[in-house]
Amino acid sequence: MSVISIYLHIPWCLELCPYCDFNTRAARKWPEERYAKALLAELRQRMQQSPFAGSSVGTIFMGGGTPSLFAPQTISMLLDGIRETGSVVENAEITLETNPGSIDLDRLRGFRQAGINRLSLGVQTFTPHLLRALGRQHSVDDSRTALRDARSASFTNLSLDLIHAIPGQTAAELQADLDEALSFGPDHISAYSLTYEPGTPLTRDLERGRVQRLGNEEEAEMFETIRKVLPPAGLMAYEISNFARPGFEARHNQAYWRGNPYIGLGAGAHSYRPGKAAENSFGRRWMNLREPAEYMESVEGTGLAEDESEELTRQQAMGEVCWLALREGRGLDTRNFQSRYGEPTLEAYPHIPELCEQGMLEWSDDWLRLTPQGLLAADDIFASFF
């Protein structure tokens, strides 16, 4: 029996962050019950289709937006509906994204009782002026309280997000963020560099000279600091931006990186079905309608809300396998690549030896990995596989 992952997108936030380009909507009220019913109706339809029919569910991730705005009772209803639709494995990883300002101890206890067993907390920084620079609505004290309350609510798998390379951030402020994050004993930290996505308020401010981006050298030094500080504290780098205690790696994200099938439910959610190279099929992905109202209306009418789709070519599929695998610390299994596509990795990508000579990639047995130097040029290396 195959194992799949399920992502549920809950698009509402109380306020929109200026750097975010996700499919989100600012609101004080939202059609919670109607939207939750639409999520489950879409799931029932998808679970009748190949390759999802008859599959077990290994990971569930509720993201957004701010999923913790939904009541614990609604989260419980969603998880019960998933269990009724398909088999959920005994040790399934079930994650809820949360913002520090949207939760309290009672609410966290409700989420834990509903079946959430992994909490991802969007701290971003413990430095007040940097929180303001990011347009975050929560305070540093909100983050501290949420982290303590998460443990009080019996969450034994706790992840927090940090952002670095924020305009105006210093090396000392990054170090202070890391020190405070570690003081709470998290099981996982995602440490992302701030990105300037087209069309976001942050990028418009950058283009108009209202904010100044940190230089490449400063950003690289912060990246290296993170990779030096977290592993000695027990959080090992298992992906470019993700660190975990052994056994606490984000299995849902690993499913994405390893090309496993997943269903994305909700407005603007993405899904993926792997192909079979032997049958000249290389995978299909699709995206739902982005507007929540249109999404709900479509699902209520047809059971689905698919808006765009793409059949991957062989070249696309091979390139994606390479760059996603190279994101992980373990790297690309070249034996698996050859078995999957009937072509040795070096024949498909003859530039690999040159990247090795430049110190960007290294071989270990049959695995190909980024070197520490290659990590700093990862985006350019990934682009070379397409």
Protein backbone atom coordinates (compact mmCIF):
# COMPACT_ATOMS: atom_id res chain seq x y z
CA MET A 1 0.00 0.00 0.00
CA SER A 2 1.43 3.38 -0.98
CA VAL A 3 1.74 6.22 1.52
CA ILE A 4 0.68 9.75 0.61
CA SER A 5 0.75 13.17 2.27
CA ILE A 6 -2.09 15.64 2.65
CA TYR A 7 -1.76 19.42 2.83
CA LEU A 8 -4.70 21.60 3.87
CA HIS A 9 -4.50 25.29 3.01
CA ILE A 10 -6.34 27.72 5.27
CA PRO A 11 -5.83 31.12 3.63
CA TRP A 12 -7.00 33.63 6.22
CA CYS A 13 -4.78 35.85 8.38
CA LEU A 14 -5.67 38.72 10.69
CA GLU A 15 -3.07 40.85 8.88
CA LEU A 16 -0.89 40.21 5.83
CA CYS A 17 2.89 40.22 6.21
CA PRO A 18 4.62 42.47 3.64
CA TYR A 19 7.10 39.77 2.55
CA CYS A 20 4.57 36.97 2.08
CA ASP A 21 3.51 35.86 -1.41
CA PHE A 22 1.42 32.88 -0.31
CA ASN A 23 -2.27 32.69 -1.19
CA THR A 24 -3.59 34.55 1.85
CA ARG A 25 -6.47 36.88 2.68
CA ALA A 26 -6.70 39.39 5.54
CA ALA A 27 -9.98 39.02 7.44
CA ARG A 28 -11.63 39.25 10.83
CA LYS A 29 -14.36 36.75 9.90
CA TRP A 30 -14.23 33.74 7.59
CA PRO A 31 -16.62 30.96 6.51
CA GLU A 32 -14.99 28.36 8.72
CA GLU A 33 -17.61 25.61 8.66
CA ARG A 34 -18.35 25.92 4.94
CA TYR A 35 -14.65 25.95 4.04
CA ALA A 36 -13.87 22.93 6.24
CA LYS A 37 -16.70 20.98 4.61
CA ALA A 38 -15.32 21.89 1.18
CA LEU A 39 -11.86 20.62 2.16
CA LEU A 40 -13.31 17.25 3.11
CA ALA A 41 -15.51 17.07 0.02
CA GLU A 42 -12.46 17.66 -2.18
CA LEU A 43 -10.52 15.02 -0.26
CA ARG A 44 -13.26 12.42 -0.73
CA GLN A 45 -13.20 13.03 -4.47
CA ARG A 46 -9.41 12.89 -4.76
CA MET A 47 -9.14 9.73 -2.70
CA GLN A 48 -11.15 7.90 -5.34
CA GLN A 49 -8.53 8.70 -7.97
CA SER A 50 -5.19 7.05 -8.83
CA PRO A 51 -2.66 6.95 -7.24
CA PHE A 52 -4.41 8.07 -4.07
CA ALA A 53 -7.17 5.45 -3.93
CA GLY A 54 -6.35 2.80 -1.35
CA SER A 55 -3.35 4.73 -0.02
CA SER A 56 -2.42 5.30 3.59
CA VAL A 57 -1.81 8.82 4.88
CA GLY A 58 1.63 9.27 6.40
CA THR A 59 1.70 13.02 7.04
CA ILE A 60 -0.86 15.81 7.34
CA PHE A 61 0.11 19.48 7.30
CA MET A 62 -2.23 22.40 7.92
CA GLY A 63 -0.68 25.59 6.56
CA GLY A 64 -1.72 29.00 5.39
CA GLY A 65 -2.47 31.67 6.12
CA THR A 66 -2.98 31.11 9.83
CA PRO A 67 -4.60 27.70 10.40
CA SER A 68 -4.61 28.27 14.15
CA LEU A 69 -7.39 30.84 13.59
CA PHE A 70 -9.71 27.86 13.07
CA ALA A 71 -11.27 26.51 16.25
CA PRO A 72 -9.90 23.28 17.74
CA GLN A 73 -13.32 21.71 17.11
CA THR A 74 -12.97 22.47 13.39
CA ILE A 75 -9.46 21.03 13.30
CA SER A 76 -10.79 17.91 15.03
CA MET A 77 -13.59 17.64 12.43
CA LEU A 78 -11.04 17.87 9.61
CA LEU A 79 -8.82 15.17 11.09
CA ASP A 80 -11.79 12.91 11.75
CA GLY A 81 -12.86 13.39 8.14
CA ILE A 82 -9.41 12.45 6.86
CA ARG A 83 -9.46 9.29 8.98
CA GLU A 84 -12.88 8.36 7.63
CA THR A 85 -11.70 8.84 4.04
CA GLY A 86 -8.52 6.78 4.24
CA SER A 87 -6.19 4.89 6.50
CA VAL A 88 -3.93 7.16 8.58
CA VAL A 89 -0.77 5.38 9.67
CA GLU A 90 -0.31 4.85 13.39
CA ASN A 91 2.64 7.24 13.76
CA ALA A 92 1.43 9.85 11.27
CA GLU A 93 3.01 13.28 11.58
CA ILE A 94 0.19 15.84 11.92
CA THR A 95 1.39 19.45 11.85
CA LEU A 96 -0.40 22.72 12.50
CA GLU A 97 1.19 26.05 11.61
CA THR A 98 0.58 28.68 14.25
CA ASN A 99 1.31 32.34 14.85
CA PRO A 100 2.22 33.38 18.40
CA GLY A 101 -0.51 36.03 18.58
CA SER A 102 -3.30 33.64 17.57
CA ILE A 103 -3.05 31.02 20.32
CA ASP A 104 -3.25 30.59 24.07
CA LEU A 105 -2.83 27.61 26.37
CA ASP A 106 -6.47 26.47 26.19
CA ARG A 107 -6.47 26.68 22.41
CA LEU A 108 -3.22 24.71 22.20
CA ARG A 109 -4.64 22.04 24.48
CA GLY A 110 -7.64 21.86 22.18
CA PHE A 111 -5.43 21.37 19.12
CA ARG A 112 -3.45 18.67 20.91
CA GLN A 113 -6.64 16.87 21.93
CA ALA A 114 -7.91 17.15 18.33
CA GLY A 115 -4.94 15.07 17.18
CA ILE A 116 -2.27 17.61 16.22
CA ASN A 117 1.06 16.14 17.30
CA ARG A 118 3.51 18.62 15.75
CA LEU A 119 3.39 22.38 16.14
CA SER A 120 5.17 24.80 13.82
CA LEU A 121 5.39 28.23 15.41
CA GLY A 122 6.13 31.34 13.30
CA VAL A 123 8.40 33.18 15.71
CA GLN A 124 10.62 34.71 12.94
CA THR A 125 12.76 36.78 15.36
CA PHE A 126 13.03 37.66 19.05
CA THR A 127 14.18 41.20 18.23
CA PRO A 128 11.36 43.79 18.51
CA HIS A 129 12.49 46.21 15.79
CA LEU A 130 13.01 43.30 13.37
CA LEU A 131 9.51 42.00 14.06
CA ARG A 132 8.25 45.46 13.11
CA ALA A 133 10.41 45.45 9.98
CA LEU A 134 8.75 42.17 8.98
CA GLY A 135 5.30 43.60 9.63
CA ARG A 136 4.52 40.91 12.19
CA GLN A 137 1.63 41.57 14.55
CA HIS A 138 2.82 39.49 17.48
CA SER A 139 5.30 40.60 20.13
CA VAL A 140 8.42 38.93 21.44
CA ASP A 141 6.57 38.15 24.66
CA ASP A 142 3.81 36.49 22.60
CA SER A 143 6.44 34.15 21.14
CA ARG A 144 7.93 33.33 24.52
CA THR A 145 4.52 32.60 26.00
CA ALA A 146 3.50 30.46 23.01
CA LEU A 147 6.66 28.37 23.21
CA ARG A 148 6.17 27.72 26.93
CA ASP A 149 2.46 27.02 26.46
CA ALA A 150 3.17 24.55 23.65
CA ARG A 151 5.14 22.36 26.05
CA SER A 152 2.48 22.80 28.76
CA ALA A 153 -0.08 21.58 26.23
CA SER A 154 1.97 18.35 25.81
CA PHE A 155 3.45 19.06 22.39
CA THR A 156 6.55 16.89 22.25
CA ASN A 157 7.37 17.79 18.64
CA LEU A 158 7.86 21.55 18.49
CA SER A 159 9.28 23.47 15.53
CA LEU A 160 9.86 27.19 15.20
CA ASP A 161 10.61 29.38 12.20
CA LEU A 162 13.33 32.03 12.18
CA ILE A 163 14.05 34.55 9.43
CA HIS A 164 17.48 36.09 8.91
CA ALA A 165 18.99 38.70 6.59
CA ILE A 166 16.24 41.14 7.60
CA PRO A 167 16.99 44.77 6.66
CA GLY A 168 18.88 46.33 9.55
CA GLN A 169 19.70 43.00 11.23
CA THR A 170 23.16 42.66 12.71
CA ALA A 171 25.27 39.55 13.31
CA ALA A 172 24.84 40.05 17.06
CA GLU A 173 21.05 40.15 16.70
CA LEU A 174 21.08 36.91 14.74
CA GLN A 175 23.22 35.28 17.43
CA ALA A 176 20.80 36.51 20.09
CA ASP A 177 17.87 35.06 18.12
CA LEU A 178 19.58 31.69 17.89
CA ASP A 179 20.50 31.69 21.58
CA GLU A 180 16.98 32.50 22.68
CA ALA A 181 15.44 29.98 20.30
CA LEU A 182 17.69 27.25 21.67
CA SER A 183 16.84 28.21 25.25
CA PHE A 184 13.33 26.83 24.65
CA GLY A 185 14.66 23.42 23.57
CA PRO A 186 12.84 23.13 20.23
CA ASP A 187 12.94 19.83 18.38
CA HIS A 188 13.19 21.53 14.99
CA ILE A 189 14.15 24.95 13.61
CA SER A 190 13.51 26.23 10.10
CA ALA A 191 15.91 29.11 9.47
CA TYR A 192 15.08 30.95 6.26
CA SER A 193 16.74 33.88 4.58
CA LEU A 194 14.31 36.70 3.87
CA THR A 195 13.27 36.61 0.22
CA TYR A 196 11.97 39.46 -1.89
CA GLU A 197 9.14 38.00 -3.94
CA PRO A 198 7.77 39.91 -6.95
CA GLY A 199 4.68 41.95 -6.22
CA THR A 200 4.94 41.95 -2.43
CA PRO A 201 4.88 45.20 -0.42
CA LEU A 202 8.40 44.45 0.80
CA THR A 203 9.73 44.20 -2.74
CA ARG A 204 7.97 47.42 -3.72
CA ASP A 205 9.63 49.13 -0.75
CA LEU A 206 12.99 47.76 -1.88
CA GLU A 207 12.45 49.05 -5.42
CA ARG A 208 11.49 52.49 -4.10
CA GLY A 209 14.51 52.67 -1.79
CA ARG A 210 12.48 52.50 1.42
CA VAL A 211 14.36 49.44 2.68
CA GLN A 212 17.93 48.34 2.09
CA ARG A 213 18.69 44.71 1.49
CA LEU A 214 21.63 43.16 3.32
CA GLY A 215 24.66 42.51 1.14
CA ASN A 216 25.49 39.05 -0.19
CA GLU A 217 28.48 38.76 2.14
CA GLU A 218 26.42 39.61 5.22
CA GLU A 219 23.73 37.16 4.19
CA ALA A 220 26.28 34.39 3.58
CA GLU A 221 27.91 35.02 6.96
CA MET A 222 24.52 34.72 8.67
CA PHE A 223 23.81 31.48 6.82
CA GLU A 224 27.17 30.08 7.97
CA THR A 225 26.57 31.24 11.55
CA ILE A 226 23.30 29.33 11.69
CA ARG A 227 24.97 26.17 10.40
CA LYS A 228 27.74 26.52 13.00
CA VAL A 229 25.51 27.26 15.99
CA LEU A 230 22.62 24.82 15.71
CA PRO A 231 24.33 21.41 15.22
CA PRO A 232 26.39 21.61 18.46
CA ALA A 233 23.09 22.24 20.23
CA GLY A 234 21.75 18.94 18.87
CA LEU A 235 19.84 20.31 15.87
CA MET A 236 21.45 18.72 12.85
CA ALA A 237 21.28 20.24 9.37
CA TYR A 238 19.27 17.79 7.30
CA GLU A 239 18.26 20.27 4.58
CA ILE A 240 19.53 23.67 3.48
CA SER A 241 17.31 25.63 5.87
CA ASN A 242 16.09 22.96 8.28
CA PHE A 243 17.61 21.59 11.47
CA ALA A 244 16.27 18.88 13.75
CA ARG A 245 17.04 16.60 16.61
CA PRO A 246 17.46 13.05 15.28
CA GLY A 247 14.02 11.60 14.60
CA PHE A 248 12.31 15.01 14.47
CA GLU A 249 12.92 15.84 10.82
CA ALA A 250 9.81 17.22 9.09
CA ARG A 251 8.52 14.11 7.36
CA HIS A 252 5.91 16.07 5.44
CA ASN A 253 8.58 18.23 3.81
CA GLN A 254 10.72 15.18 3.16
CA ALA A 255 7.80 13.74 1.19
CA TYR A 256 7.91 16.82 -1.06
CA TRP A 257 11.68 16.69 -1.50
CA ARG A 258 11.62 12.98 -2.31
CA GLY A 259 8.92 13.23 -4.96
CA ASN A 260 6.23 11.33 -3.09
CA PRO A 261 2.55 11.84 -3.97
CA TYR A 262 0.58 14.45 -2.09
CA ILE A 263 -2.86 15.99 -2.19
CA GLY A 264 -3.20 19.73 -1.63
CA LEU A 265 -6.66 20.70 -0.40
CA GLY A 266 -8.01 24.23 -0.31
CA ALA A 267 -7.83 27.52 -2.18
CA GLY A 268 -4.65 27.72 -4.25
CA ALA A 269 -3.28 24.42 -2.91
CA HIS A 270 -0.90 22.37 -5.08
CA SER A 271 -0.93 18.59 -5.60
CA TYR A 272 1.47 16.12 -7.21
CA ARG A 273 1.16 12.66 -8.72
CA PRO A 274 4.44 10.92 -9.65
CA GLY A 275 4.77 9.34 -13.05
CA LYS A 276 6.17 6.00 -14.21
CA ALA A 277 9.13 6.50 -16.53
CA ALA A 278 8.74 2.96 -17.86
CA GLU A 279 5.29 3.99 -19.13
CA ASN A 280 6.60 7.28 -20.52
CA SER A 281 4.77 9.20 -17.80
CA PHE A 282 6.79 11.61 -15.68
CA GLY A 283 4.31 13.12 -13.25
CA ARG A 284 1.47 15.58 -13.05
CA ARG A 285 0.89 18.54 -10.77
CA TRP A 286 -2.07 20.85 -10.43
CA MET A 287 -3.25 23.90 -8.52
CA ASN A 288 -6.68 24.81 -7.18
CA LEU A 289 -8.60 28.01 -7.72
CA ARG A 290 -7.05 30.73 -5.56
CA GLU A 291 -10.12 32.68 -4.44
CA PRO A 292 -11.69 30.98 -1.39
CA ALA A 293 -15.24 31.79 -2.54
CA GLU A 294 -14.62 30.37 -6.02
CA TYR A 295 -12.92 27.34 -4.51
CA MET A 296 -15.86 26.54 -2.24
CA GLU A 297 -18.43 27.07 -4.99
CA SER A 298 -16.54 24.77 -7.37
CA VAL A 299 -16.11 21.99 -4.81
CA GLU A 300 -19.74 22.21 -3.80
CA GLY A 301 -20.71 21.80 -7.45
CA THR A 302 -18.25 19.20 -8.76
CA GLY A 303 -16.21 17.93 -5.82
CA LEU A 304 -13.03 19.50 -7.27
CA ALA A 305 -11.60 23.00 -7.81
CA GLU A 306 -8.67 22.38 -10.12
CA ASP A 307 -7.57 25.53 -11.95
CA GLU A 308 -4.22 24.75 -13.63
CA SER A 309 -2.31 21.55 -14.33
CA GLU A 310 0.91 20.41 -15.94
CA GLU A 311 2.21 17.11 -17.23
CA LEU A 312 5.93 16.97 -16.57
CA THR A 313 8.38 16.14 -19.32
CA ARG A 314 11.16 13.65 -18.76
CA GLN A 315 13.69 16.49 -18.57
CA GLN A 316 11.60 18.42 -16.06
CA ALA A 317 11.10 15.36 -13.88
CA MET A 318 14.80 14.45 -13.85
CA GLY A 319 15.82 18.03 -13.04
CA GLU A 320 13.35 18.26 -10.20
CA VAL A 321 14.51 14.95 -8.73
CA CYS A 322 18.07 16.31 -8.72
CA TRP A 323 17.52 19.73 -7.22
CA LEU A 324 15.04 18.56 -4.61
CA ALA A 325 17.35 15.72 -3.54
CA LEU A 326 20.34 18.05 -3.36
CA ARG A 327 18.44 20.25 -0.93
CA GLU A 328 18.71 17.46 1.62
CA GLY A 329 21.90 16.74 3.49
CA ARG A 330 21.88 13.15 2.32
CA GLY A 331 21.91 14.28 -1.32
CA LEU A 332 20.97 12.48 -4.54
CA ASP A 333 20.97 8.69 -4.71
CA THR A 334 22.45 8.22 -8.17
CA ARG A 335 21.62 4.50 -8.25
CA ASN A 336 17.97 5.30 -7.70
CA PHE A 337 18.15 7.98 -10.40
CA GLN A 338 19.51 5.49 -12.94
CA SER A 339 16.95 2.86 -11.97
CA ARG A 340 14.16 5.38 -12.32
CA TYR A 341 15.15 6.95 -15.63
CA GLY A 342 17.35 4.31 -17.27
CA GLU A 343 20.25 6.73 -17.64
CA PRO A 344 23.35 7.25 -15.47
CA THR A 345 23.42 10.61 -13.71
CA LEU A 346 26.72 11.59 -15.35
CA GLU A 347 25.30 10.94 -18.82
CA ALA A 348 22.19 12.98 -18.09
CA TYR A 349 24.24 15.80 -16.54
CA PRO A 350 27.80 15.83 -17.90
CA HIS A 351 28.55 19.10 -16.08
CA ILE A 352 28.60 17.34 -12.69
CA PRO A 353 32.38 16.58 -12.78
CA GLU A 354 33.08 20.27 -13.37
CA LEU A 355 30.97 21.21 -10.34
CA CYS A 356 32.92 18.63 -8.33
CA GLU A 357 36.22 20.10 -9.49
CA GLN A 358 35.01 23.54 -8.46
CA GLY A 359 34.29 22.20 -4.97
CA MET A 360 30.53 22.64 -5.28
CA LEU A 361 29.52 18.97 -5.27
CA GLU A 362 31.04 15.82 -3.83
CA TRP A 363 30.54 12.09 -4.27
CA SER A 364 30.20 9.71 -1.34
CA ASP A 365 29.66 6.13 -2.45
CA ASP A 366 26.77 6.54 -4.89
CA TRP A 367 25.40 9.72 -3.33
CA LEU A 368 25.94 13.20 -4.75
CA ARG A 369 25.86 16.08 -2.25
CA LEU A 370 26.39 19.81 -2.01
CA THR A 371 29.63 20.81 -0.27
CA PRO A 372 29.73 23.67 2.26
CA GLN A 373 30.89 25.88 -0.61
CA GLY A 374 28.12 24.54 -2.81
CA LEU A 375 25.49 25.42 -0.21
CA LEU A 376 26.34 29.09 -0.70
CA ALA A 377 25.75 28.78 -4.45
CA ALA A 378 22.85 26.34 -4.21
CA ASP A 379 20.39 28.27 -6.38
CA ASP A 380 22.83 28.49 -9.27
CA ILE A 381 23.69 24.80 -8.95
CA PHE A 382 20.03 23.82 -8.94
CA ALA A 383 19.39 25.91 -12.04
CA SER A 384 22.14 24.00 -13.88
CA PHE A 385 19.99 20.85 -13.86
CA PHE A 386 17.34 22.42 -16.08
